[in-house]
Amino acid sequence: MIGHWLNRTLQVWRPTRTQDGAGGYRTVYVRQPSDVRAKVDQPSDAERLLAVQTQSEQTDGIYLLPTDDVRRGDELRDPDSGEVWRVAGVMRPSSVRYRKAHGELVQSEGETNG
């Protein structure tokens, strides 16, 4: 098990469509009842450079327990640091000891990356 490596507690927020009262819909994020323990890997310099060169999105690896209910489109929020990751995808590697989500760090307007 990888439980001893999971050093952060993240809130899971799931997008939900609600009617807007004018015939359309809007998306709101609803906090899920269970938080998850996670380990967030910082991308390497090579991964950052590749993302810039290919004009692609850079994602961080987020390791989770295999039973955690995290889905593509969810937001994982760290209430201690204020960081938010939008989940681009979730995979189960060949080992059933963990699941790995790829999350894009979402920065607030005007926030620097330092």
C-alpha atoms as a PDB file:
ATOM      1  CA  MET A   1       0.000   0.000   0.000  1.00  0.00           C
ATOM      2  CA  ILE A   2       1.161   3.562  -0.582  1.00  0.00           C
ATOM      3  CA  GLY A   3      -0.776   5.152   2.266  1.00  0.00           C
ATOM      4  CA  HIS A   4       2.334   6.353   4.087  1.00  0.00           C
ATOM      5  CA  TRP A   5       3.389   8.387   0.991  1.00  0.00           C
ATOM      6  CA  LEU A   6       0.067  10.229   0.729  1.00  0.00           C
ATOM      7  CA  ASN A   7       0.951  13.395   2.630  1.00  0.00           C
ATOM      8  CA  ARG A   8      -1.896  15.744   1.634  1.00  0.00           C
ATOM      9  CA  THR A   9      -5.641  15.755   2.171  1.00  0.00           C
ATOM     10  CA  LEU A  10      -7.559  17.066  -0.840  1.00  0.00           C
ATOM     11  CA  GLN A  11     -11.228  17.904  -1.196  1.00  0.00           C
ATOM     12  CA  VAL A  12     -13.035  16.440  -4.208  1.00  0.00           C
ATOM     13  CA  TRP A  13     -15.350  18.852  -6.038  1.00  0.00           C
ATOM     14  CA  ARG A  14     -17.468  17.395  -8.862  1.00  0.00           C
ATOM     15  CA  PRO A  15     -19.056  19.427 -11.670  1.00  0.00           C
ATOM     16  CA  THR A  16     -22.835  19.251 -11.692  1.00  0.00           C
ATOM     17  CA  ARG A  17     -25.196  20.770 -14.239  1.00  0.00           C
ATOM     18  CA  THR A  18     -28.142  22.725 -12.906  1.00  0.00           C
ATOM     19  CA  GLN A  19     -30.880  24.562 -14.761  1.00  0.00           C
ATOM     20  CA  ASP A  20     -30.343  28.308 -14.899  1.00  0.00           C
ATOM     21  CA  GLY A  21     -34.040  29.218 -14.943  1.00  0.00           C
ATOM     22  CA  ALA A  22     -33.849  30.613 -18.481  1.00  0.00           C
ATOM     23  CA  GLY A  23     -33.969  27.325 -20.381  1.00  0.00           C
ATOM     24  CA  GLY A  24     -30.242  26.645 -20.167  1.00  0.00           C
ATOM     25  CA  TYR A  25     -27.804  25.070 -17.790  1.00  0.00           C
ATOM     26  CA  ARG A  26     -24.874  26.173 -15.710  1.00  0.00           C
ATOM     27  CA  THR A  27     -22.131  24.109 -14.146  1.00  0.00           C
ATOM     28  CA  VAL A  28     -21.442  24.334 -10.430  1.00  0.00           C
ATOM     29  CA  TYR A  29     -18.919  22.353  -8.414  1.00  0.00           C
ATOM     30  CA  VAL A  30     -20.316  20.340  -5.505  1.00  0.00           C
ATOM     31  CA  ARG A  31     -18.028  19.097  -2.744  1.00  0.00           C
ATOM     32  CA  GLN A  32     -18.107  15.333  -2.384  1.00  0.00           C
ATOM     33  CA  PRO A  33     -18.561  13.852   1.096  1.00  0.00           C
ATOM     34  CA  SER A  34     -15.184  12.102   1.244  1.00  0.00           C
ATOM     35  CA  ASP A  35     -11.824  13.854   1.052  1.00  0.00           C
ATOM     36  CA  VAL A  36      -8.881  11.914  -0.397  1.00  0.00           C
ATOM     37  CA  ARG A  37      -5.308  11.473   0.739  1.00  0.00           C
ATOM     38  CA  ALA A  38      -2.865  12.195  -2.060  1.00  0.00           C
ATOM     39  CA  LYS A  39       0.710  12.789  -3.103  1.00  0.00           C
ATOM     40  CA  VAL A  40       1.187  15.504  -5.733  1.00  0.00           C
ATOM     41  CA  ASP A  41       4.319  15.299  -7.886  1.00  0.00           C
ATOM     42  CA  GLN A  42       5.842  18.471  -9.265  1.00  0.00           C
ATOM     43  CA  PRO A  43       6.586  18.222 -12.993  1.00  0.00           C
ATOM     44  CA  SER A  44      10.264  17.986 -13.868  1.00  0.00           C
ATOM     45  CA  ASP A  45      12.088  20.713 -15.790  1.00  0.00           C
ATOM     46  CA  ALA A  46      12.092  18.440 -18.846  1.00  0.00           C
ATOM     47  CA  GLU A  47       8.305  17.968 -18.616  1.00  0.00           C
ATOM     48  CA  ARG A  48       7.793  21.727 -18.297  1.00  0.00           C
ATOM     49  CA  LEU A  49      10.029  22.402 -21.309  1.00  0.00           C
ATOM     50  CA  LEU A  50       8.247  19.761 -23.392  1.00  0.00           C
ATOM     51  CA  ALA A  51       4.853  21.299 -22.539  1.00  0.00           C
ATOM     52  CA  VAL A  52       6.076  24.730 -23.630  1.00  0.00           C
ATOM     53  CA  GLN A  53       7.678  23.427 -26.826  1.00  0.00           C
ATOM     54  CA  THR A  54       4.600  21.454 -27.857  1.00  0.00           C
ATOM     55  CA  GLN A  55       2.140  24.098 -26.637  1.00  0.00           C
ATOM     56  CA  SER A  56       0.381  21.438 -24.605  1.00  0.00           C
ATOM     57  CA  GLU A  57      -1.094  21.480 -21.147  1.00  0.00           C
ATOM     58  CA  GLN A  58       1.206  20.518 -18.326  1.00  0.00           C
ATOM     59  CA  THR A  59      -0.229  18.154 -15.763  1.00  0.00           C
ATOM     60  CA  ASP A  60       0.940  17.100 -12.326  1.00  0.00           C
ATOM     61  CA  GLY A  61       0.841  13.459 -11.238  1.00  0.00           C
ATOM     62  CA  ILE A  62      -1.512  12.975  -8.297  1.00  0.00           C
ATOM     63  CA  TYR A  63      -1.282   9.590  -6.563  1.00  0.00           C
ATOM     64  CA  LEU A  64      -4.389   8.271  -4.797  1.00  0.00           C
ATOM     65  CA  LEU A  65      -5.601   5.141  -3.057  1.00  0.00           C
ATOM     66  CA  PRO A  66      -7.098   2.623  -5.511  1.00  0.00           C
ATOM     67  CA  THR A  67     -10.578   2.946  -3.946  1.00  0.00           C
ATOM     68  CA  ASP A  68     -10.814   6.766  -4.123  1.00  0.00           C
ATOM     69  CA  ASP A  69     -13.707   8.114  -6.216  1.00  0.00           C
ATOM     70  CA  VAL A  70     -11.950  10.705  -8.379  1.00  0.00           C
ATOM     71  CA  ARG A  71     -13.091  11.257 -11.978  1.00  0.00           C
ATOM     72  CA  ARG A  72     -12.100  13.199 -15.059  1.00  0.00           C
ATOM     73  CA  GLY A  73     -13.411  16.766 -14.723  1.00  0.00           C
ATOM     74  CA  ASP A  74     -13.305  16.799 -10.912  1.00  0.00           C
ATOM     75  CA  GLU A  75     -11.388  19.472  -9.064  1.00  0.00           C
ATOM     76  CA  LEU A  76      -9.042  18.490  -6.256  1.00  0.00           C
ATOM     77  CA  ARG A  77      -8.635  21.350  -3.788  1.00  0.00           C
ATOM     78  CA  ASP A  78      -6.090  21.715  -1.006  1.00  0.00           C
ATOM     79  CA  PRO A  79      -7.705  23.853   1.709  1.00  0.00           C
ATOM     80  CA  ASP A  80      -4.336  24.421   3.418  1.00  0.00           C
ATOM     81  CA  SER A  81      -2.431  25.814   0.424  1.00  0.00           C
ATOM     82  CA  GLY A  82      -5.357  27.029  -1.693  1.00  0.00           C
ATOM     83  CA  GLU A  83      -4.101  25.031  -4.695  1.00  0.00           C
ATOM     84  CA  VAL A  84      -6.642  23.581  -7.119  1.00  0.00           C
ATOM     85  CA  TRP A  85      -6.091  20.900  -9.779  1.00  0.00           C
ATOM     86  CA  ARG A  86      -8.598  20.108 -12.524  1.00  0.00           C
ATOM     87  CA  VAL A  87      -8.413  16.371 -13.241  1.00  0.00           C
ATOM     88  CA  ALA A  88      -7.634  15.656 -16.900  1.00  0.00           C
ATOM     89  CA  GLY A  89      -7.760  11.893 -16.499  1.00  0.00           C
ATOM     90  CA  VAL A  90      -7.419   9.028 -14.044  1.00  0.00           C
ATOM     91  CA  MET A  91      -5.608   5.773 -14.704  1.00  0.00           C
ATOM     92  CA  ARG A  92      -4.885   2.587 -12.860  1.00  0.00           C
ATOM     93  CA  PRO A  93      -1.288   1.521 -13.506  1.00  0.00           C
ATOM     94  CA  SER A  94      -0.384  -2.145 -13.770  1.00  0.00           C
ATOM     95  CA  SER A  95      -0.076  -2.211  -9.987  1.00  0.00           C
ATOM     96  CA  VAL A  96      -3.354  -2.170  -8.062  1.00  0.00           C
ATOM     97  CA  ARG A  97      -1.684  -0.418  -5.140  1.00  0.00           C
ATOM     98  CA  TYR A  98      -2.626   3.061  -6.304  1.00  0.00           C
ATOM     99  CA  ARG A  99      -4.420   5.178  -8.916  1.00  0.00           C
ATOM    100  CA  LYS A 100      -2.839   8.124 -10.662  1.00  0.00           C
ATOM    101  CA  ALA A 101      -4.699  11.225 -11.722  1.00  0.00           C
ATOM    102  CA  HIS A 102      -3.283  13.823 -14.069  1.00  0.00           C
ATOM    103  CA  GLY A 103      -4.295  17.266 -12.871  1.00  0.00           C
ATOM    104  CA  GLU A 104      -3.762  20.716 -14.328  1.00  0.00           C
ATOM    105  CA  LEU A 105      -2.916  23.292 -11.660  1.00  0.00           C
ATOM    106  CA  VAL A 106      -5.491  26.086 -11.840  1.00  0.00           C
ATOM    107  CA  GLN A 107      -4.203  29.490 -10.825  1.00  0.00           C
ATOM    108  CA  SER A 108      -6.334  32.405  -9.723  1.00  0.00           C
ATOM    109  CA  GLU A 109      -6.465  35.508 -11.894  1.00  0.00           C
ATOM    110  CA  GLY A 110      -3.298  37.557 -11.422  1.00  0.00           C
ATOM    111  CA  GLU A 111      -1.488  34.835  -9.458  1.00  0.00           C
ATOM    112  CA  THR A 112       2.156  34.237 -10.303  1.00  0.00           C
ATOM    113  CA  ASN A 113       3.673  30.777 -10.534  1.00  0.00           C
ATOM    114  CA  GLY A 114       6.292  31.439  -7.852  1.00  0.00           C
END
